[in-house]
Amino acid sequence: MNPLIDIRRHAPNGFTYCISARGVGGVDGGAAFDTIERCLFDAAASLGHYFPLVEIRFEGGLLGACATDTLRRAPQTIVARIPTQPEAA
């Protein structure tokens, strides 16, 4: 079973994460990060090399699976999966 990293907005320019076993229970990352990339990097670093693959969720939407090593080396690849919201007219 792959752990689930759930990224949430903490403030307009802040992000936090929680790591759980597919959404059950979970451990809060304990800090707010100024970028999603830093948030993902910290989450991956906290998992170490124990889990080669993780599921990623952002604001309740599942983004898919990713290699934990990719989160440490290139978190921007996950950020690119986050759908952008259209600006209000």
C-alpha atoms as a PDB file:
ATOM      1  CA  MET A   1       0.000   0.000   0.000  1.00  0.00           C
ATOM      2  CA  ASN A   2       1.324   3.428  -0.949  1.00  0.00           C
ATOM      3  CA  PRO A   3       1.066   6.298   1.506  1.00  0.00           C
ATOM      4  CA  LEU A   4      -1.092   9.278   0.594  1.00  0.00           C
ATOM      5  CA  ILE A   5       0.309  12.806   0.772  1.00  0.00           C
ATOM      6  CA  ASP A   6      -2.550  15.287   1.109  1.00  0.00           C
ATOM      7  CA  ILE A   7      -1.556  18.885   0.330  1.00  0.00           C
ATOM      8  CA  ARG A   8      -3.802  21.702   1.578  1.00  0.00           C
ATOM      9  CA  ARG A   9      -3.696  25.463   1.375  1.00  0.00           C
ATOM     10  CA  HIS A  10      -2.828  26.877   4.773  1.00  0.00           C
ATOM     11  CA  ALA A  11      -3.087  30.545   3.849  1.00  0.00           C
ATOM     12  CA  PRO A  12      -3.160  32.454   0.572  1.00  0.00           C
ATOM     13  CA  ASN A  13       0.539  31.683   0.060  1.00  0.00           C
ATOM     14  CA  GLY A  14       1.056  28.740   2.385  1.00  0.00           C
ATOM     15  CA  PHE A  15       0.723  24.969   2.151  1.00  0.00           C
ATOM     16  CA  THR A  16       0.693  22.072   4.601  1.00  0.00           C
ATOM     17  CA  TYR A  17       0.613  18.314   4.195  1.00  0.00           C
ATOM     18  CA  CYS A  18      -0.625  15.215   5.947  1.00  0.00           C
ATOM     19  CA  ILE A  19       0.671  11.699   5.280  1.00  0.00           C
ATOM     20  CA  SER A  20      -1.711   8.790   5.758  1.00  0.00           C
ATOM     21  CA  ALA A  21      -2.473   5.252   4.705  1.00  0.00           C
ATOM     22  CA  ARG A  22      -5.003   6.089   1.967  1.00  0.00           C
ATOM     23  CA  GLY A  23      -6.691   8.855   3.922  1.00  0.00           C
ATOM     24  CA  VAL A  24      -7.138   6.953   7.193  1.00  0.00           C
ATOM     25  CA  GLY A  25      -5.675   8.672  10.226  1.00  0.00           C
ATOM     26  CA  GLY A  26      -2.551  10.475   9.221  1.00  0.00           C
ATOM     27  CA  VAL A  27       0.416  12.432  10.449  1.00  0.00           C
ATOM     28  CA  ASP A  28       0.480  16.184  10.011  1.00  0.00           C
ATOM     29  CA  GLY A  29       3.664  17.609   8.489  1.00  0.00           C
ATOM     30  CA  GLY A  30       3.669  20.165  11.302  1.00  0.00           C
ATOM     31  CA  ALA A  31       4.798  23.180   9.298  1.00  0.00           C
ATOM     32  CA  ALA A  32       3.525  25.600   6.690  1.00  0.00           C
ATOM     33  CA  PHE A  33       5.554  26.067   3.515  1.00  0.00           C
ATOM     34  CA  ASP A  34       5.613  29.061   1.198  1.00  0.00           C
ATOM     35  CA  THR A  35       5.554  26.932  -1.977  1.00  0.00           C
ATOM     36  CA  ILE A  36       3.964  23.645  -2.962  1.00  0.00           C
ATOM     37  CA  GLU A  37       7.381  22.442  -4.139  1.00  0.00           C
ATOM     38  CA  ARG A  38       8.897  22.872  -0.673  1.00  0.00           C
ATOM     39  CA  CYS A  39       5.878  21.200   0.880  1.00  0.00           C
ATOM     40  CA  LEU A  40       6.203  18.174  -1.431  1.00  0.00           C
ATOM     41  CA  PHE A  41       9.963  17.980  -0.906  1.00  0.00           C
ATOM     42  CA  ASP A  42       9.547  17.949   2.876  1.00  0.00           C
ATOM     43  CA  ALA A  43       6.834  15.282   2.690  1.00  0.00           C
ATOM     44  CA  ALA A  44       9.054  13.077   0.525  1.00  0.00           C
ATOM     45  CA  ALA A  45      12.042  13.636   2.804  1.00  0.00           C
ATOM     46  CA  SER A  46       9.983  12.595   5.820  1.00  0.00           C
ATOM     47  CA  LEU A  47       9.136   9.288   4.113  1.00  0.00           C
ATOM     48  CA  GLY A  48      12.803   8.570   3.488  1.00  0.00           C
ATOM     49  CA  HIS A  49      13.489   5.575   1.283  1.00  0.00           C
ATOM     50  CA  TYR A  50      10.884   3.375   2.952  1.00  0.00           C
ATOM     51  CA  PHE A  51       8.176   4.032   0.364  1.00  0.00           C
ATOM     52  CA  PRO A  52       9.251   4.149  -3.279  1.00  0.00           C
ATOM     53  CA  LEU A  53       5.818   5.298  -4.493  1.00  0.00           C
ATOM     54  CA  VAL A  54       3.219   7.685  -3.035  1.00  0.00           C
ATOM     55  CA  GLU A  55      -0.226   8.923  -3.996  1.00  0.00           C
ATOM     56  CA  ILE A  56      -0.684  12.701  -4.097  1.00  0.00           C
ATOM     57  CA  ARG A  57      -3.870  14.629  -3.362  1.00  0.00           C
ATOM     58  CA  PHE A  58      -4.226  18.417  -3.591  1.00  0.00           C
ATOM     59  CA  GLU A  59      -7.206  20.178  -2.022  1.00  0.00           C
ATOM     60  CA  GLY A  60      -9.175  16.923  -2.129  1.00  0.00           C
ATOM     61  CA  GLY A  61      -8.427  16.091  -5.777  1.00  0.00           C
ATOM     62  CA  LEU A  62      -6.303  13.043  -6.522  1.00  0.00           C
ATOM     63  CA  LEU A  63      -3.302  13.906  -8.726  1.00  0.00           C
ATOM     64  CA  GLY A  64      -2.063  10.326  -9.034  1.00  0.00           C
ATOM     65  CA  ALA A  65       0.979   8.315  -8.036  1.00  0.00           C
ATOM     66  CA  CYS A  66       4.568   9.495  -8.078  1.00  0.00           C
ATOM     67  CA  ALA A  67       7.966   8.088  -7.189  1.00  0.00           C
ATOM     68  CA  THR A  68       9.074   9.458  -3.828  1.00  0.00           C
ATOM     69  CA  ASP A  69      12.492  10.137  -5.327  1.00  0.00           C
ATOM     70  CA  THR A  70      10.863  12.375  -7.969  1.00  0.00           C
ATOM     71  CA  LEU A  71       9.292  14.466  -5.214  1.00  0.00           C
ATOM     72  CA  ARG A  72      12.716  15.026  -3.711  1.00  0.00           C
ATOM     73  CA  ARG A  73      14.487  15.746  -7.019  1.00  0.00           C
ATOM     74  CA  ALA A  74      11.797  17.437  -9.141  1.00  0.00           C
ATOM     75  CA  PRO A  75       8.642  18.378  -7.191  1.00  0.00           C
ATOM     76  CA  GLN A  76       7.672  20.772  -9.980  1.00  0.00           C
ATOM     77  CA  THR A  77       6.582  17.757 -12.055  1.00  0.00           C
ATOM     78  CA  ILE A  78       3.762  17.206  -9.563  1.00  0.00           C
ATOM     79  CA  VAL A  79       2.930  20.904  -9.377  1.00  0.00           C
ATOM     80  CA  ALA A  80       2.408  20.809 -13.147  1.00  0.00           C
ATOM     81  CA  ARG A  81      -0.419  18.270 -12.583  1.00  0.00           C
ATOM     82  CA  ILE A  82      -2.425  20.683 -10.446  1.00  0.00           C
ATOM     83  CA  PRO A  83      -5.277  22.112 -12.502  1.00  0.00           C
ATOM     84  CA  THR A  84      -5.320  25.880 -12.655  1.00  0.00           C
ATOM     85  CA  GLN A  85      -8.531  27.631 -11.853  1.00  0.00           C
ATOM     86  CA  PRO A  86      -9.802  30.164 -14.368  1.00  0.00           C
ATOM     87  CA  GLU A  87      -9.757  33.751 -13.179  1.00  0.00           C
ATOM     88  CA  ALA A  88     -13.075  35.389 -12.474  1.00  0.00           C
ATOM     89  CA  ALA A  89     -14.300  37.738 -15.192  1.00  0.00           C
END
